[in-house]
Amino acid sequence: MELIRFVGSNFFEWDLKMYDEKNEQPAKVNSTDLNEDLGQIEYLFSDKTGTLTENEMLFKHFCINGDIYEEKYGDIFNLNSQTIKSITNPKIFRLLEALTVCHTVQVDKTSSEKYNASSPDELSFIKFCFNLGILYEGDVFDKTKNIFNRRVVYNIKDETFEKKYEIMYILEFDSVRKRMSIIVKNESNEYFLYCKGADSSIAPRCSCKTFSLYEDSLKEFSEKGWRTLVIAYKPLSKSEYLSYSQMLDQANSDILNKEEKLDKCYDLIESNLKIIGVTSVEDRLQEDVEGTLFALRQAGIKIWILTGDKLETAVNISDSCKHFSREMFKFVLKNLKTTTEVEENFTIINEQMKSSGKQSYALIIDGVSLETITLNKNQNDFRSIAVKCDAVLCCRMSPSQKANKFYFYKDCFID
């Protein structure tokens, strides 16, 4: 029996379709039980970014007050009016300034790759501004003021000048807030808060009337499978800044309740924002991911994709990478906040499944609905629906939600 396993495992290494030409390396089998283990797989859980996609972001378009722009050959091009716009336009300049200031990118002048970023989105912003002649030159410590200055060099209309922004505070990104902010003081001694994050996080903190100008663009970008971020700002008076500074210092010095107090500070500081614009970046699919997912589905494996993206973006990616087939009937559970809403939708889905027979199904559900199902103990009803679906897409999920839901539903599917 062990000899059969050994010979069977060698077929992986002999398979030319599994040979990596780029690294000149065949598949490597570390266990003779691999064939048997693979044959028992029924469900596959996958993240999107860096797994289905390359995690290398390419800046595409941005929107300001309903007008969509893109960069071409170092110029800003208005797609609505088919005209070239100047970078010195106040609204465009404000957006570009926000992109070059509100981030955590580091400059390494000793490396061939000048910019180091933990966030590929932020790196795409810096490279986009670089193409327009706006160069982020890193942070320099000012010993006299005991503060870091963020240096940005502007090459605009054959004129070169440098601006320095004193970094007062950085309100780091977290998966609960889904945004990050920075408080800076410019050379005119004016204080500004720049903020960027998911539209679901920024929208409630801005004027509804203003945000409505961006809803169509957000939908358009998302339906193309692009990742979107909303950029906002708030001018601060000196008294406001001093008040916020005192609050943040007190919160940071409280060892026992630091996180709780910082959350309250961030919630207050990141309020009454003004939208500057919306950005979109493309994260391309991995090589041959479509064929891989199709083959897995043909093998009878049911694939769950867990992502933090908007529903429209996530659905576009699932369609593109063949996670969903054309024959699948899609059920959508979105923004369900009460037990009644959950039960009504479950009833509709179950009736549809009974009437359509052996139809292939796909289930699309967002983080809000999943949380409601969990809190109201509707997991068994959800499980009975999910097991009948060939593909499940969970969107708008935080990293902690992904981990919690994976382990919970993994246990659910083990009989």
Protein backbone atom coordinates (compact mmCIF):
# COMPACT_ATOMS: atom_id res chain seq x y z
CA MET A 1 0.00 0.00 0.00
CA GLU A 2 2.86 2.38 0.89
CA LEU A 3 4.50 1.59 -2.47
CA ILE A 4 1.29 2.59 -4.29
CA ARG A 5 1.21 5.85 -2.32
CA PHE A 6 4.86 6.53 -3.16
CA VAL A 7 4.40 5.96 -6.90
CA GLY A 8 1.17 7.97 -6.91
CA SER A 9 2.88 10.93 -5.23
CA ASN A 10 5.60 10.94 -7.89
CA PHE A 11 3.01 11.78 -10.53
CA PHE A 12 2.89 15.27 -9.03
CA GLU A 13 6.61 15.74 -9.64
CA TRP A 14 6.40 14.25 -13.14
CA ASP A 15 3.48 16.44 -14.17
CA LEU A 16 4.77 19.03 -16.69
CA LYS A 17 1.73 21.23 -16.08
CA MET A 18 2.89 21.65 -12.48
CA TYR A 19 6.42 22.67 -13.50
CA ASP A 20 7.33 26.27 -12.62
CA GLU A 21 9.25 27.61 -15.62
CA LYS A 22 10.00 30.92 -13.94
CA ASN A 23 11.90 29.27 -11.06
CA GLU A 24 12.80 26.14 -13.05
CA GLN A 25 11.34 23.96 -10.33
CA PRO A 26 8.97 20.97 -10.46
CA ALA A 27 6.29 20.31 -7.87
CA LYS A 28 7.73 18.89 -4.66
CA VAL A 29 5.84 16.25 -2.68
CA ASN A 30 6.65 16.08 1.03
CA SER A 31 4.10 13.42 1.94
CA THR A 32 3.10 10.20 0.25
CA ASP A 33 -0.40 10.68 1.71
CA LEU A 34 -0.93 13.79 -0.44
CA ASN A 35 -3.22 12.08 -2.98
CA GLU A 36 -5.47 10.68 -0.27
CA ASP A 37 -5.54 14.02 1.60
CA LEU A 38 -6.45 15.97 -1.53
CA GLY A 39 -9.21 13.52 -2.32
CA GLN A 40 -10.91 14.30 0.98
CA ILE A 41 -11.06 18.06 0.46
CA GLU A 42 -14.63 19.28 0.10
CA TYR A 43 -14.33 22.96 1.07
CA LEU A 44 -11.62 25.47 0.24
CA PHE A 45 -11.41 28.82 2.09
CA SER A 46 -9.38 31.56 0.40
CA ASP A 47 -8.53 35.21 0.90
CA LYS A 48 -8.54 37.43 -2.19
CA THR A 49 -5.66 39.91 -1.97
CA GLY A 50 -2.31 38.23 -2.59
CA THR A 51 -3.95 34.82 -3.11
CA LEU A 52 -6.25 35.25 -6.08
CA THR A 53 -4.63 38.58 -6.97
CA GLU A 54 -1.00 39.68 -7.24
CA ASN A 55 -1.20 42.30 -4.45
CA GLU A 56 0.55 44.78 -6.76
CA MET A 57 -1.65 47.84 -7.07
CA LEU A 58 -1.91 50.01 -10.15
CA PHE A 59 -3.51 53.44 -9.71
CA LYS A 60 -6.38 53.85 -12.20
CA HIS A 61 -8.77 56.81 -11.78
CA PHE A 62 -9.87 59.33 -9.19
CA CYS A 63 -13.08 61.30 -8.81
CA ILE A 64 -13.68 64.83 -7.51
CA ASN A 65 -17.27 66.11 -7.24
CA GLY A 66 -18.52 63.62 -9.83
CA ASP A 67 -15.76 64.29 -12.40
CA ILE A 68 -13.45 61.35 -13.14
CA TYR A 69 -9.76 61.88 -13.89
CA GLU A 70 -6.79 59.76 -14.88
CA GLU A 71 -3.07 60.30 -15.37
CA LYS A 72 -1.67 60.21 -18.92
CA TYR A 73 1.94 60.98 -19.76
CA GLY A 74 2.37 63.11 -16.65
CA ASP A 75 -0.86 65.12 -17.11
CA ILE A 76 -4.29 64.96 -15.47
CA PHE A 77 -7.00 64.10 -17.99
CA ASN A 78 -10.71 64.70 -17.31
CA LEU A 79 -12.65 61.72 -18.70
CA ASN A 80 -15.99 63.58 -18.51
CA SER A 81 -15.03 66.66 -20.55
CA GLN A 82 -12.09 65.09 -22.45
CA THR A 83 -9.79 67.93 -21.37
CA ILE A 84 -6.44 68.24 -19.61
CA LYS A 85 -6.61 69.73 -16.11
CA SER A 86 -3.82 71.57 -14.34
CA ILE A 87 -2.30 70.06 -11.23
CA THR A 88 -2.49 73.54 -9.70
CA ASN A 89 -6.30 73.37 -9.76
CA PRO A 90 -7.10 73.81 -6.02
CA LYS A 91 -9.32 70.72 -5.76
CA ILE A 92 -6.89 68.46 -7.63
CA PHE A 93 -3.90 69.84 -5.74
CA ARG A 94 -5.66 69.19 -2.42
CA LEU A 95 -6.19 65.54 -3.36
CA LEU A 96 -2.58 65.08 -4.51
CA GLU A 97 -1.33 66.75 -1.34
CA ALA A 98 -3.44 64.36 0.75
CA LEU A 99 -2.05 61.33 -1.13
CA THR A 100 1.57 62.42 -0.58
CA VAL A 101 1.07 63.30 3.09
CA CYS A 102 -1.46 60.79 4.52
CA HIS A 103 0.45 57.49 4.50
CA THR A 104 3.12 55.44 6.31
CA VAL A 105 5.51 54.90 3.36
CA GLN A 106 9.24 54.97 4.17
CA VAL A 107 12.06 56.20 1.91
CA ASP A 108 15.20 54.06 1.58
CA LYS A 109 17.77 55.90 -0.53
CA THR A 110 20.27 53.03 -0.29
CA SER A 111 17.93 50.56 -2.00
CA SER A 112 17.12 50.23 -5.69
CA GLU A 113 13.45 50.42 -4.67
CA LYS A 114 13.22 53.90 -3.16
CA TYR A 115 9.90 53.44 -1.40
CA ASN A 116 9.05 50.80 1.21
CA ALA A 117 5.39 50.39 2.11
CA SER A 118 3.43 47.90 4.18
CA SER A 119 0.34 48.93 2.20
CA PRO A 120 0.47 48.35 -1.59
CA ASP A 121 -2.38 50.88 -1.96
CA GLU A 122 -0.24 53.61 -0.41
CA LEU A 123 2.70 52.67 -2.61
CA SER A 124 0.50 53.06 -5.71
CA PHE A 125 -0.51 56.55 -4.50
CA ILE A 126 3.12 57.63 -4.07
CA LYS A 127 4.07 56.29 -7.53
CA PHE A 128 1.02 57.97 -9.09
CA CYS A 129 2.06 61.34 -7.62
CA PHE A 130 5.67 60.67 -8.70
CA ASN A 131 4.47 60.34 -12.33
CA LEU A 132 2.91 63.81 -11.98
CA GLY A 133 6.14 65.34 -10.72
CA ILE A 134 5.23 65.29 -7.02
CA LEU A 135 8.03 63.51 -5.15
CA TYR A 136 7.77 62.30 -1.58
CA GLU A 137 11.29 62.58 -0.14
CA GLY A 138 10.75 61.04 3.27
CA ASP A 139 10.62 62.27 6.85
CA VAL A 140 13.44 64.33 8.37
CA PHE A 141 13.81 64.81 12.12
CA ASP A 142 14.01 68.41 13.30
CA LYS A 143 16.08 68.41 16.49
CA THR A 144 15.17 71.98 17.41
CA LYS A 145 11.42 71.23 17.46
CA ASN A 146 11.74 67.53 18.31
CA ILE A 147 9.41 66.64 15.44
CA PHE A 148 9.48 64.94 12.03
CA ASN A 149 9.00 66.98 8.86
CA ARG A 150 7.47 65.27 5.84
CA ARG A 151 9.28 66.56 2.74
CA VAL A 152 7.52 66.78 -0.62
CA VAL A 153 9.11 68.22 -3.78
CA TYR A 154 6.74 69.67 -6.39
CA ASN A 155 7.78 69.95 -10.05
CA ILE A 156 4.93 71.90 -11.60
CA LYS A 157 4.99 74.00 -14.78
CA ASP A 158 8.80 74.07 -15.00
CA GLU A 159 8.89 75.28 -11.40
CA THR A 160 10.40 73.24 -8.57
CA PHE A 161 9.69 73.92 -4.93
CA GLU A 162 9.67 71.99 -1.69
CA LYS A 163 7.06 71.88 1.05
CA LYS A 164 7.50 70.60 4.57
CA TYR A 165 4.69 69.29 6.71
CA GLU A 166 5.22 68.87 10.44
CA ILE A 167 3.80 65.50 11.51
CA MET A 168 1.87 66.19 14.69
CA TYR A 169 0.05 62.85 15.05
CA ILE A 170 -0.60 59.72 13.00
CA LEU A 171 -3.87 57.93 13.72
CA GLU A 172 -2.91 54.50 12.45
CA PHE A 173 -5.18 52.27 10.40
CA ASP A 174 -7.07 49.47 12.12
CA SER A 175 -9.57 46.95 10.76
CA VAL A 176 -12.37 48.17 13.02
CA ARG A 177 -12.25 51.85 12.00
CA LYS A 178 -11.22 50.96 8.42
CA ARG A 179 -9.40 54.27 8.03
CA MET A 180 -6.18 56.09 8.92
CA SER A 181 -5.47 59.77 9.50
CA ILE A 182 -2.63 62.20 9.97
CA ILE A 183 -2.55 65.63 11.60
CA VAL A 184 0.01 67.99 10.03
CA LYS A 185 1.04 71.63 10.24
CA ASN A 186 2.09 73.29 6.98
CA GLU A 187 4.59 76.08 6.43
CA SER A 188 1.83 78.67 6.92
CA ASN A 189 1.26 77.30 10.46
CA GLU A 190 -2.14 75.89 9.45
CA TYR A 191 -3.30 72.59 10.95
CA PHE A 192 -5.02 69.93 8.84
CA LEU A 193 -6.36 66.46 9.41
CA TYR A 194 -6.12 64.22 6.33
CA CYS A 195 -8.05 60.95 6.41
CA LYS A 196 -8.50 58.03 4.03
CA GLY A 197 -10.52 54.85 4.32
CA ALA A 198 -13.40 52.69 3.11
CA ASP A 199 -16.50 54.53 1.92
CA SER A 200 -18.59 52.77 4.58
CA SER A 201 -16.26 54.23 7.20
CA ILE A 202 -15.87 57.77 5.83
CA ALA A 203 -19.41 58.42 4.54
CA PRO A 204 -21.12 58.66 7.96
CA ARG A 205 -18.53 61.28 8.96
CA CYS A 206 -19.20 63.58 6.01
CA SER A 207 -22.11 65.57 4.67
CA CYS A 208 -24.68 63.27 3.01
CA LYS A 209 -25.22 65.86 0.29
CA THR A 210 -21.51 65.92 -0.54
CA PHE A 211 -21.10 62.15 -0.49
CA SER A 212 -23.98 61.66 -2.94
CA LEU A 213 -21.74 63.20 -5.65
CA TYR A 214 -19.44 60.17 -5.40
CA GLU A 215 -21.88 57.26 -5.21
CA ASP A 216 -22.04 56.69 -8.98
CA SER A 217 -18.24 56.75 -9.30
CA LEU A 218 -17.79 54.37 -6.38
CA LYS A 219 -20.23 51.96 -7.99
CA GLU A 220 -18.55 52.28 -11.40
CA PHE A 221 -15.06 51.67 -9.97
CA SER A 222 -16.26 48.73 -7.88
CA GLU A 223 -18.04 47.05 -10.79
CA LYS A 224 -14.72 47.09 -12.66
CA GLY A 225 -13.16 45.17 -9.78
CA TRP A 226 -11.06 48.12 -8.56
CA ARG A 227 -10.36 48.83 -4.91
CA THR A 228 -11.70 52.19 -3.78
CA LEU A 229 -10.73 54.60 -1.01
CA VAL A 230 -12.36 57.86 0.05
CA ILE A 231 -10.00 60.76 0.80
CA ALA A 232 -11.18 63.46 3.22
CA TYR A 233 -9.81 66.30 5.31
CA LYS A 234 -10.65 68.77 8.03
CA PRO A 235 -8.97 72.13 8.74
CA LEU A 236 -8.20 72.59 12.43
CA SER A 237 -7.89 75.77 14.41
CA LYS A 238 -4.97 75.96 16.82
CA SER A 239 -7.31 75.62 19.80
CA GLU A 240 -8.88 72.49 18.24
CA TYR A 241 -5.47 70.99 17.64
CA LEU A 242 -4.32 71.72 21.21
CA SER A 243 -7.50 70.15 22.56
CA TYR A 244 -7.03 67.01 20.43
CA SER A 245 -3.35 66.89 21.35
CA GLN A 246 -4.16 66.91 25.05
CA MET A 247 -6.77 64.16 24.60
CA LEU A 248 -4.37 61.94 22.64
CA ASP A 249 -1.54 62.43 25.13
CA GLN A 250 -3.82 61.51 28.02
CA ALA A 251 -5.07 58.42 26.19
CA ASN A 252 -1.54 57.28 25.30
CA SER A 253 -0.41 57.66 28.92
CA ASP A 254 -3.25 55.50 30.28
CA ILE A 255 -1.69 52.04 30.40
CA LEU A 256 -4.83 50.17 31.50
CA ASN A 257 -7.41 51.74 29.16
CA LYS A 258 -5.21 53.00 26.35
CA GLU A 259 -6.98 51.27 23.45
CA GLU A 260 -10.46 52.18 24.62
CA LYS A 261 -9.56 55.84 25.17
CA LEU A 262 -7.72 56.11 21.84
CA ASP A 263 -10.79 54.74 20.05
CA LYS A 264 -12.92 57.47 21.62
CA CYS A 265 -10.35 60.12 20.66
CA TYR A 266 -10.17 58.89 17.06
CA ASP A 267 -13.96 58.83 16.84
CA LEU A 268 -14.15 62.47 17.92
CA ILE A 269 -11.20 63.71 15.86
CA GLU A 270 -12.27 61.95 12.64
CA SER A 271 -15.66 63.66 12.49
CA ASN A 272 -17.22 66.47 10.41
CA LEU A 273 -14.93 65.60 7.50
CA LYS A 274 -14.98 67.14 4.03
CA ILE A 275 -14.56 64.77 1.10
CA ILE A 276 -11.68 65.61 -1.24
CA GLY A 277 -12.18 62.74 -3.68
CA VAL A 278 -12.32 59.01 -4.34
CA THR A 279 -9.43 56.90 -5.66
CA SER A 280 -9.39 53.54 -7.44
CA VAL A 281 -6.57 51.02 -7.85
CA GLU A 282 -6.45 47.74 -9.73
CA ASP A 283 -5.13 44.52 -8.22
CA ARG A 284 -4.54 42.12 -11.09
CA LEU A 285 -5.41 38.42 -10.93
CA GLN A 286 -2.69 35.83 -10.44
CA GLU A 287 -1.56 33.91 -13.50
CA ASP A 288 -4.02 31.15 -14.53
CA VAL A 289 -6.19 31.63 -11.43
CA GLU A 290 -9.29 31.23 -13.62
CA GLY A 291 -8.26 27.78 -14.82
CA THR A 292 -7.28 26.72 -11.29
CA LEU A 293 -10.63 27.64 -9.71
CA PHE A 294 -12.53 26.08 -12.62
CA ALA A 295 -10.59 22.82 -12.18
CA LEU A 296 -11.22 22.80 -8.42
CA ARG A 297 -14.93 23.32 -8.99
CA GLN A 298 -14.96 20.50 -11.55
CA ALA A 299 -13.37 18.28 -8.89
CA GLY A 300 -16.38 18.94 -6.66
CA ILE A 301 -14.60 21.31 -4.25
CA LYS A 302 -16.75 24.14 -2.93
CA ILE A 303 -14.82 27.42 -2.70
CA TRP A 304 -15.38 30.16 -0.15
CA ILE A 305 -13.70 33.52 -0.75
CA LEU A 306 -13.38 35.90 2.21
CA THR A 307 -12.54 39.53 1.42
CA GLY A 308 -12.82 43.02 2.87
CA ASP A 309 -13.78 44.54 -0.50
CA LYS A 310 -17.09 46.17 -1.40
CA LEU A 311 -19.77 43.79 -2.63
CA GLU A 312 -19.58 45.08 -6.24
CA THR A 313 -15.78 44.76 -6.32
CA ALA A 314 -15.85 41.28 -4.81
CA VAL A 315 -18.53 40.02 -7.23
CA ASN A 316 -16.55 41.37 -10.20
CA ILE A 317 -13.42 39.54 -9.03
CA SER A 318 -15.37 36.30 -8.45
CA ASP A 319 -16.81 36.52 -11.97
CA SER A 320 -13.39 37.32 -13.47
CA CYS A 321 -11.51 34.48 -11.75
CA LYS A 322 -14.27 31.93 -12.52
CA HIS A 323 -15.19 31.51 -8.87
CA PHE A 324 -18.72 31.95 -10.16
CA SER A 325 -19.87 30.21 -13.33
CA ARG A 326 -22.43 31.70 -15.72
CA GLU A 327 -24.92 28.95 -14.88
CA MET A 328 -24.98 29.75 -11.15
CA PHE A 329 -28.03 31.36 -9.61
CA LYS A 330 -26.75 34.00 -7.18
CA PHE A 331 -28.34 34.70 -3.79
CA VAL A 332 -27.37 38.00 -2.15
CA LEU A 333 -27.61 38.67 1.59
CA LYS A 334 -26.67 42.29 2.15
CA ASN A 335 -26.90 44.59 5.17
CA LEU A 336 -29.25 42.33 7.18
CA LYS A 337 -29.41 43.83 10.68
CA THR A 338 -32.32 42.04 12.35
CA THR A 339 -33.40 38.46 12.93
CA THR A 340 -36.62 39.12 11.00
CA GLU A 341 -34.70 40.22 7.90
CA VAL A 342 -32.44 37.15 8.14
CA GLU A 343 -35.35 34.71 8.50
CA GLU A 344 -37.31 36.31 5.65
CA ASN A 345 -34.33 36.03 3.31
CA PHE A 346 -33.64 32.43 4.38
CA THR A 347 -37.27 31.53 3.63
CA ILE A 348 -37.06 33.05 0.14
CA ILE A 349 -33.78 31.22 -0.60
CA ASN A 350 -35.09 27.86 0.61
CA GLU A 351 -38.25 28.20 -1.49
CA GLN A 352 -36.16 29.11 -4.55
CA MET A 353 -33.90 26.08 -4.00
CA LYS A 354 -36.88 23.72 -3.69
CA SER A 355 -38.55 25.01 -6.85
CA SER A 356 -35.45 25.04 -9.07
CA GLY A 357 -34.27 21.48 -8.45
CA LYS A 358 -30.62 20.77 -9.29
CA GLN A 359 -29.66 24.33 -10.15
CA SER A 360 -26.09 25.42 -9.29
CA TYR A 361 -26.06 28.14 -6.62
CA ALA A 362 -23.71 30.87 -5.41
CA LEU A 363 -24.16 32.75 -2.15
CA ILE A 364 -22.96 36.33 -1.64
CA ILE A 365 -23.05 37.71 1.89
CA ASP A 366 -21.53 40.73 3.62
CA GLY A 367 -19.91 41.08 7.05
CA VAL A 368 -22.90 42.87 8.58
CA SER A 369 -25.27 40.03 7.67
CA LEU A 370 -22.84 37.37 8.89
CA GLU A 371 -22.51 39.17 12.22
CA THR A 372 -26.30 39.33 12.58
CA ILE A 373 -26.61 35.61 11.80
CA THR A 374 -23.97 34.78 14.41
CA LEU A 375 -25.36 37.03 17.14
CA ASN A 376 -28.93 35.79 16.65
CA LYS A 377 -27.89 32.12 16.50
CA ASN A 378 -29.11 31.47 12.96
CA GLN A 379 -25.91 29.56 12.09
CA ASN A 380 -27.61 26.19 11.52
CA ASP A 381 -30.09 27.73 9.08
CA PHE A 382 -27.21 29.44 7.31
CA ARG A 383 -25.25 26.18 7.20
CA SER A 384 -28.17 24.31 5.59
CA ILE A 385 -28.19 26.91 2.79
CA ALA A 386 -24.41 27.24 2.41
CA VAL A 387 -23.82 23.49 1.96
CA LYS A 388 -26.12 23.54 -1.08
CA CYS A 389 -24.05 26.29 -2.75
CA ASP A 390 -21.09 25.53 -5.01
CA ALA A 391 -19.48 28.92 -4.30
CA VAL A 392 -19.73 31.35 -1.38
CA LEU A 393 -18.43 34.92 -1.37
CA CYS A 394 -18.11 36.77 1.96
CA CYS A 395 -17.37 40.48 1.47
CA ARG A 396 -16.91 43.57 3.66
CA MET A 397 -15.14 41.44 6.27
CA SER A 398 -12.46 42.63 8.69
CA PRO A 399 -9.36 40.42 9.27
CA SER A 400 -10.68 39.38 12.70
CA GLN A 401 -14.05 38.48 11.15
CA LYS A 402 -12.30 36.35 8.53
CA ALA A 403 -10.43 34.38 11.19
CA ASN A 404 -13.42 33.95 13.50
CA LYS A 405 -15.81 32.96 10.73
CA PHE A 406 -13.31 30.55 9.17
CA TYR A 407 -12.83 28.57 12.38
CA PHE A 408 -16.53 28.66 13.22
CA TYR A 409 -17.75 27.44 9.83
CA LYS A 410 -14.90 24.97 9.57
CA ASP A 411 -16.32 23.29 12.71
CA CYS A 412 -19.85 23.57 11.29
CA PHE A 413 -18.98 21.55 8.20
CA ILE A 414 -17.30 18.76 10.11
CA ASP A 415 -19.93 16.13 10.77
